[in-house]
Structures are given as structure tokens and as C-alpha cells.
Amino acid sequence: MALADVLPQRAAEAMMLNDLVPGCWAEAAPGRPLPEQVSASTKQLVQALVTLARPKGRPDKGDMTRIAMSWFDMEDWLKALITVLGHGPFRAAVRTEVKAELREYAAAVADRSQSAAWVRDLAAVLDEEPLVVLNPRARRGYALTMSGVGDNFQLHTLLADRLVGDSDQGMVPGARPDRSWVAAATDADPYLGPENPALRRFRLFDGHGAYVYPEGVPADIKPLDGTRVLVLHPPNGGYGMGVGRVFQNMIPTLNLDRVLGPDEAEFWLTRIAPAVENDFMAD
């Protein structure tokens, strides 16, 4: 927790500077390939980039040296940050504006850094987030609260575990997910493998009618009147995933707070837009 005010900002700075390296190198050493991201190349990159420093003004030699060093040390900062962002109290301690910077700078370098892509998604993780789920076929709805869910396929599995059950008790009819799938999505070994993939029990759409891609993250779900709303549709086939969750050390919670009363369910059902069923398993 002592790192909460320092490490995220240092990692964001490293990604911001790293994004500048290719352009600076192209100016300092036109036509030459960028050095490998290994310590033996440090001197070569620093010497080239400091030639862009201004004798009096900015960027100075210190600025250009920091930019050059980000080519080599960014991954170290990101690995440390990935470790601590998996813990809810740490995420809660990081300021909202710093998380926004992490997402912005990580997106800029994610094409060449898997660690940056993971930081981008971890910085978008929702905690204590209200969620309304609607089953339009049965005219029923559910209020839930989620924290620490890393991707939408994990959310599919956890939702099926919480909601599929006896329709006479107000639950969603259907086949419950295998216990190994739920465990992999929660706190067991996340790797299910090709022999036992987790199969989704429904397709999800948001309150605006947009398809919720399993490969996305819960933060992608656009709120409806300030609340994230999910609408259940039949799965229309076996869409599976061999990994229960992306972030092994981040333990999610998804609590079913209550089944909505008929009037409240109808209130939400009348507000949602028709689903735009253009996914590859649409009818």
C-alpha cells in the first residue's frame, strides 16, 4: 500500500516516455533499426537520443536520457504494477485520474508490450460496481454488485453461476455452469485447457442494445442512466474459453443482492433498447 502514490505514476511515466522512443530514434538515427531492449544496447540508445537535447532549454540531456532508459526499464515498472493492481485495496487507493493516465499511456504502447495491455485492463477494473441484469423472456431482473472481474468471459461464467436456477424461485432457467469453470473464474487454477472449456450460458447485450464481446472488459459496458445494464439472450451454440480468468491473482466477487420486484424489472425492461444481434451466433 505504501506504493500506491508512487508506483502507478512511475509506471505511467515510463509508458509515456517509451511511446516517444521510436520517434526520437527516427530523428536521431534515421534509417537505422531501433536497438534491442537489452542492457547491452543502453549506451547506444542514450548516446543517440541525447543529441536531440537543447543546450539551453527543454528537452535537456536529462530528459532525453530518461526517454532512452524507458526503452529498457518500462517492463520492470509494469510487472511490479501488475502484481499490486490485482489487489482490491491497492486499486481503491489509486486516484481516478492516475488510472485514466495508466489506461491512456498503456493503450499507446500495448501493441508492443503485453504487460502494457494487462495494465490497461487492470486500470479499468471496476470495484463495488452495481449491475442490473435483465431476462426479457421471463420479464425478470436482478441487482448485483461486482468487484475485481478482469474480462467479460469471466463475467459470463460468474453470472451463470449466480443466476441460473429454478425459474419458480425467480432464477434464470438453463444448465448451470460446471463447478470447475466457476472455480477457474474465481480462485482456482484458471487454466481449463481444450478438454474442458467453459461454455457460456447466454449472450449478453447492454442496455443500449450493443453486443457485449466476451473478449472485452466490464468497463466497456456502457451505462444506462448511470447504471451498467446487461440483457440476457440465448447462447445459440457452444462458445467456450479454455481460461477461466485472465488475472490469476485477482480474486473476483459477484454478489446477487436481490431479485428485482415485478415493477422494478418492468421499469428497466421498458428503458432498454432492442438488441442489435449482429454477433456471429445471432439467430
Protein backbone atom coordinates (compact mmCIF):
# COMPACT_ATOMS: atom_id res chain seq x y z
CA MET A 1 0.00 0.00 0.00
CA ALA A 2 2.96 2.32 0.53
CA LEU A 3 3.50 2.17 -3.24
CA ALA A 4 0.02 3.44 -4.15
CA ASP A 5 1.10 7.08 -4.52
CA VAL A 6 4.33 6.31 -6.38
CA LEU A 7 4.36 3.13 -8.46
CA PRO A 8 1.33 3.82 -10.72
CA GLN A 9 2.62 7.30 -11.57
CA ARG A 10 6.14 6.00 -12.23
CA ALA A 11 4.78 3.24 -14.49
CA ALA A 12 2.58 5.76 -16.34
CA GLU A 13 5.60 7.99 -16.90
CA ALA A 14 7.65 5.04 -18.17
CA MET A 15 4.95 4.18 -20.73
CA MET A 16 4.56 7.82 -21.78
CA LEU A 17 8.31 8.14 -22.38
CA ASN A 18 8.53 4.73 -24.03
CA ASP A 19 5.95 5.87 -26.57
CA LEU A 20 8.31 8.70 -27.57
CA VAL A 21 11.33 6.49 -28.23
CA PRO A 22 10.60 5.36 -31.82
CA GLY A 23 10.01 8.93 -32.99
CA CYS A 24 13.10 10.24 -31.22
CA TRP A 25 15.23 7.42 -32.60
CA ALA A 26 13.97 8.03 -36.14
CA GLU A 27 15.06 11.66 -35.79
CA ALA A 28 18.41 10.91 -34.16
CA ALA A 29 19.34 7.87 -36.27
CA PRO A 30 17.26 7.93 -39.47
CA GLY A 31 17.14 4.65 -41.34
CA ARG A 32 18.71 2.60 -38.55
CA PRO A 33 16.73 -0.07 -36.65
CA LEU A 34 15.93 0.56 -33.01
CA PRO A 35 18.31 -1.18 -30.59
CA GLU A 36 17.15 -4.36 -28.90
CA GLN A 37 15.56 -3.87 -25.47
CA VAL A 38 18.54 -5.39 -23.66
CA SER A 39 21.03 -3.75 -21.32
CA ALA A 40 23.89 -4.07 -23.84
CA SER A 41 22.08 -1.57 -26.07
CA THR A 42 21.61 1.09 -23.38
CA LYS A 43 24.69 3.16 -24.20
CA GLN A 44 23.94 3.19 -27.93
CA LEU A 45 20.38 4.47 -27.44
CA VAL A 46 21.29 7.06 -24.80
CA GLN A 47 24.14 8.47 -26.88
CA ALA A 48 21.90 8.79 -29.92
CA LEU A 49 18.97 10.41 -28.14
CA VAL A 50 20.97 12.97 -26.13
CA THR A 51 21.99 14.54 -29.46
CA LEU A 52 18.39 15.83 -29.58
CA ALA A 53 18.83 17.73 -26.30
CA ARG A 54 18.83 21.52 -26.40
CA PRO A 55 21.88 23.23 -24.91
CA LYS A 56 19.70 25.68 -23.04
CA GLY A 57 16.12 24.64 -22.58
CA ARG A 58 13.97 21.54 -22.78
CA PRO A 59 14.39 18.74 -23.53
CA ASP A 60 17.80 18.70 -21.88
CA LYS A 61 20.19 15.76 -21.62
CA GLY A 62 18.40 14.51 -18.51
CA ASP A 63 15.07 14.44 -20.35
CA MET A 64 16.50 12.54 -23.30
CA THR A 65 18.30 10.09 -21.03
CA ARG A 66 15.04 9.33 -19.21
CA ILE A 67 13.28 8.79 -22.54
CA ALA A 68 16.05 6.43 -23.66
CA MET A 69 16.06 4.47 -20.40
CA SER A 70 12.30 3.90 -20.64
CA TRP A 71 13.05 1.63 -23.62
CA PHE A 72 14.75 -0.73 -21.16
CA ASP A 73 13.06 -0.28 -17.79
CA MET A 74 9.34 0.08 -18.68
CA GLU A 75 8.67 -3.67 -18.40
CA ASP A 76 10.11 -3.75 -14.87
CA TRP A 77 7.77 -0.99 -13.70
CA LEU A 78 4.81 -2.69 -15.39
CA LYS A 79 5.50 -6.11 -13.88
CA ALA A 80 5.55 -4.59 -10.41
CA LEU A 81 2.35 -2.68 -11.09
CA ILE A 82 0.55 -5.76 -12.45
CA THR A 83 1.33 -7.57 -9.19
CA VAL A 84 -0.21 -4.93 -6.93
CA LEU A 85 -3.17 -3.96 -9.16
CA GLY A 86 -4.51 -7.46 -8.63
CA HIS A 87 -5.42 -6.48 -5.06
CA GLY A 88 -8.63 -4.56 -4.43
CA PRO A 89 -7.35 -2.29 -1.62
CA PHE A 90 -4.47 -1.15 -3.81
CA ARG A 91 -6.78 -0.40 -6.76
CA ALA A 92 -9.02 1.60 -4.43
CA ALA A 93 -6.04 3.64 -3.25
CA VAL A 94 -5.01 4.70 -6.77
CA ARG A 95 -6.58 8.01 -7.76
CA THR A 96 -9.10 8.03 -10.60
CA GLU A 97 -7.03 10.43 -12.69
CA VAL A 98 -3.96 8.24 -12.32
CA LYS A 99 -5.92 5.19 -13.52
CA ALA A 100 -7.04 7.22 -16.53
CA GLU A 101 -3.40 8.07 -17.30
CA LEU A 102 -2.43 4.43 -17.00
CA ARG A 103 -5.12 3.41 -19.48
CA GLU A 104 -4.15 6.17 -21.92
CA TYR A 105 -0.41 5.54 -21.87
CA ALA A 106 -0.78 1.76 -21.81
CA ALA A 107 -3.01 1.86 -24.89
CA ALA A 108 -0.29 3.77 -26.75
CA VAL A 109 2.33 1.02 -26.26
CA ALA A 110 0.12 -2.06 -25.91
CA ASP A 111 0.87 -3.12 -29.49
CA ARG A 112 4.45 -3.91 -28.48
CA SER A 113 4.01 -4.78 -24.80
CA GLN A 114 1.69 -7.45 -23.41
CA SER A 115 2.43 -6.08 -19.95
CA ALA A 116 1.07 -2.70 -21.01
CA ALA A 117 -2.09 -4.35 -22.34
CA TRP A 118 -2.57 -6.04 -18.96
CA VAL A 119 -2.01 -2.76 -17.10
CA ARG A 120 -4.56 -1.07 -19.39
CA ASP A 121 -7.18 -3.68 -18.44
CA LEU A 122 -6.28 -3.77 -14.74
CA ALA A 123 -6.55 0.02 -14.51
CA ALA A 124 -10.10 -0.32 -15.89
CA VAL A 125 -11.25 -2.94 -13.35
CA LEU A 126 -14.50 -1.99 -11.63
CA ASP A 127 -14.91 -2.40 -7.87
CA GLU A 128 -18.15 -2.25 -5.88
CA GLU A 129 -19.90 -1.68 -9.20
CA PRO A 130 -23.72 -2.02 -9.30
CA LEU A 131 -25.04 -4.16 -12.12
CA VAL A 132 -28.60 -4.76 -13.32
CA VAL A 133 -29.21 -7.96 -15.31
CA LEU A 134 -32.47 -8.47 -17.20
CA ASN A 135 -34.10 -11.60 -18.58
CA PRO A 136 -36.61 -10.21 -21.10
CA ARG A 137 -38.16 -13.58 -21.90
CA ALA A 138 -39.27 -14.07 -18.30
CA ARG A 139 -39.70 -10.30 -17.61
CA ARG A 140 -37.40 -10.60 -14.62
CA GLY A 141 -34.40 -8.68 -13.36
CA TYR A 142 -31.57 -8.95 -10.85
CA ALA A 143 -29.42 -6.47 -8.91
CA LEU A 144 -25.79 -7.49 -8.40
CA THR A 145 -22.53 -5.92 -7.27
CA MET A 146 -19.21 -6.85 -8.86
CA SER A 147 -15.57 -6.27 -7.98
CA GLY A 148 -12.32 -7.49 -9.48
CA VAL A 149 -13.74 -9.07 -12.65
CA GLY A 150 -11.00 -8.94 -15.26
CA ASP A 151 -12.79 -9.77 -18.51
CA ASN A 152 -16.25 -10.33 -19.91
CA PHE A 153 -15.99 -14.08 -20.39
CA GLN A 154 -15.18 -14.41 -16.69
CA LEU A 155 -18.26 -12.27 -16.07
CA HIS A 156 -20.35 -14.63 -18.24
CA THR A 157 -19.30 -17.60 -16.12
CA LEU A 158 -19.88 -15.89 -12.79
CA LEU A 159 -23.27 -14.54 -13.88
CA ALA A 160 -24.38 -18.03 -14.93
CA ASP A 161 -23.32 -19.37 -11.54
CA ARG A 162 -25.28 -16.69 -9.67
CA LEU A 163 -28.40 -16.57 -11.84
CA VAL A 164 -29.11 -19.96 -13.43
CA GLY A 165 -31.51 -21.95 -11.29
CA ASP A 166 -35.12 -22.75 -10.54
CA SER A 167 -37.43 -20.49 -12.54
CA ASP A 168 -40.11 -20.97 -9.86
CA GLN A 169 -37.73 -19.20 -7.48
CA GLY A 170 -37.28 -16.34 -9.90
CA MET A 171 -33.99 -17.55 -11.37
CA VAL A 172 -32.91 -17.99 -14.99
CA PRO A 173 -33.74 -21.42 -16.41
CA GLY A 174 -30.97 -23.38 -18.07
CA ALA A 175 -27.91 -25.56 -17.47
CA ARG A 176 -25.73 -24.43 -14.61
CA PRO A 177 -22.02 -23.98 -15.33
CA ASP A 178 -19.65 -26.77 -14.34
CA ARG A 179 -18.12 -26.20 -10.91
CA SER A 180 -14.61 -26.37 -12.38
CA TRP A 181 -15.46 -23.46 -14.67
CA VAL A 182 -16.65 -21.34 -11.75
CA ALA A 183 -13.59 -22.26 -9.71
CA ALA A 184 -11.29 -21.31 -12.61
CA ALA A 185 -13.11 -17.97 -12.87
CA THR A 186 -12.72 -17.34 -9.13
CA ASP A 187 -9.68 -18.58 -7.21
CA ALA A 188 -8.54 -21.97 -8.55
CA ASP A 189 -6.09 -22.64 -11.37
CA PRO A 190 -7.51 -20.50 -14.20
CA TYR A 191 -6.37 -22.85 -16.97
CA LEU A 192 -9.09 -25.26 -18.06
CA GLY A 193 -7.49 -26.37 -21.30
CA PRO A 194 -9.07 -27.63 -24.52
CA GLU A 195 -10.57 -30.72 -22.86
CA ASN A 196 -12.88 -28.77 -20.54
CA PRO A 197 -13.55 -25.25 -21.87
CA ALA A 198 -16.00 -23.04 -20.01
CA LEU A 199 -19.13 -22.66 -22.17
CA ARG A 200 -21.18 -19.51 -21.89
CA ARG A 201 -24.82 -19.96 -20.94
CA PHE A 202 -26.11 -16.83 -22.68
CA ARG A 203 -25.13 -13.94 -24.91
CA LEU A 204 -25.01 -10.51 -23.29
CA PHE A 205 -26.16 -7.15 -24.64
CA ASP A 206 -26.01 -3.81 -22.87
CA GLY A 207 -28.95 -1.52 -22.16
CA HIS A 208 -28.36 0.34 -25.42
CA GLY A 209 -28.68 -2.86 -27.47
CA ALA A 210 -24.96 -3.31 -28.17
CA TYR A 211 -23.39 -6.77 -28.07
CA VAL A 212 -21.05 -7.33 -25.12
CA TYR A 213 -17.98 -9.04 -26.53
CA PRO A 214 -16.61 -11.84 -24.32
CA GLU A 215 -13.10 -10.66 -25.16
CA GLY A 216 -13.75 -7.21 -23.68
CA VAL A 217 -13.80 -5.96 -20.09
CA PRO A 218 -16.73 -4.93 -17.86
CA ALA A 219 -15.73 -1.26 -18.12
CA ASP A 220 -16.67 -1.46 -21.82
CA ILE A 221 -20.34 -1.94 -20.84
CA LYS A 222 -21.91 1.46 -21.45
CA PRO A 223 -24.06 2.62 -18.50
CA LEU A 224 -27.75 3.29 -18.97
CA ASP A 225 -28.87 6.23 -16.84
CA GLY A 226 -25.76 5.78 -14.69
CA THR A 227 -26.08 2.00 -14.20
CA ARG A 228 -24.49 -0.79 -16.21
CA VAL A 229 -27.27 -2.99 -17.53
CA LEU A 230 -26.94 -6.43 -19.11
CA VAL A 231 -29.67 -8.18 -21.09
CA LEU A 232 -29.61 -11.98 -21.38
CA HIS A 233 -30.16 -13.71 -24.72
CA PRO A 234 -29.95 -17.43 -25.59
CA PRO A 235 -26.37 -18.66 -26.25
CA ASN A 236 -27.26 -20.15 -29.66
CA GLY A 237 -24.39 -22.63 -29.59
CA GLY A 238 -21.30 -23.60 -27.68
CA TYR A 239 -18.94 -20.65 -27.33
CA GLY A 240 -16.15 -21.73 -24.99
CA MET A 241 -12.94 -20.47 -23.39
CA GLY A 242 -10.05 -22.53 -22.04
CA VAL A 243 -9.10 -19.91 -19.42
CA GLY A 244 -11.41 -19.06 -16.53
CA ARG A 245 -9.85 -15.66 -15.78
CA VAL A 246 -7.05 -13.56 -17.18
CA PHE A 247 -5.54 -12.28 -13.93
CA GLN A 248 -4.71 -15.25 -11.75
CA ASN A 249 -4.02 -13.28 -8.56
CA MET A 250 -7.13 -11.09 -8.75
CA ILE A 251 -9.99 -12.76 -6.90
CA PRO A 252 -13.38 -11.51 -8.09
CA THR A 253 -16.63 -11.06 -6.23
CA LEU A 254 -20.07 -11.01 -7.84
CA ASN A 255 -22.90 -10.80 -5.33
CA LEU A 256 -26.56 -11.30 -6.17
CA ASP A 257 -28.05 -8.62 -3.97
CA ARG A 258 -31.71 -9.28 -4.78
CA VAL A 259 -34.21 -10.35 -7.39
CA LEU A 260 -35.99 -7.25 -8.66
CA GLY A 261 -39.68 -6.93 -7.96
CA PRO A 262 -42.01 -7.06 -10.99
CA ASP A 263 -42.49 -3.28 -11.14
CA GLU A 264 -38.77 -2.53 -10.93
CA ALA A 265 -37.96 -5.17 -13.53
CA GLU A 266 -40.55 -3.67 -15.88
CA PHE A 267 -39.12 -0.19 -15.25
CA TRP A 268 -35.75 -1.35 -16.60
CA LEU A 269 -37.18 -3.52 -19.35
CA THR A 270 -39.07 -0.54 -20.78
CA ARG A 271 -35.89 1.56 -20.86
CA ILE A 272 -33.57 -0.81 -22.73
CA ALA A 273 -33.07 -0.59 -26.49
CA PRO A 274 -33.69 -3.62 -28.73
CA ALA A 275 -30.62 -5.81 -29.09
CA VAL A 276 -28.65 -5.34 -32.30
CA GLU A 277 -27.98 -9.03 -32.87
CA ASN A 278 -25.08 -8.86 -35.30
CA ASP A 279 -22.77 -11.25 -33.43
CA PHE A 280 -21.72 -14.45 -35.17
CA MET A 281 -24.14 -16.56 -33.10
CA ALA A 282 -27.20 -14.41 -33.72
CA ASP A 283 -30.36 -16.11 -34.94
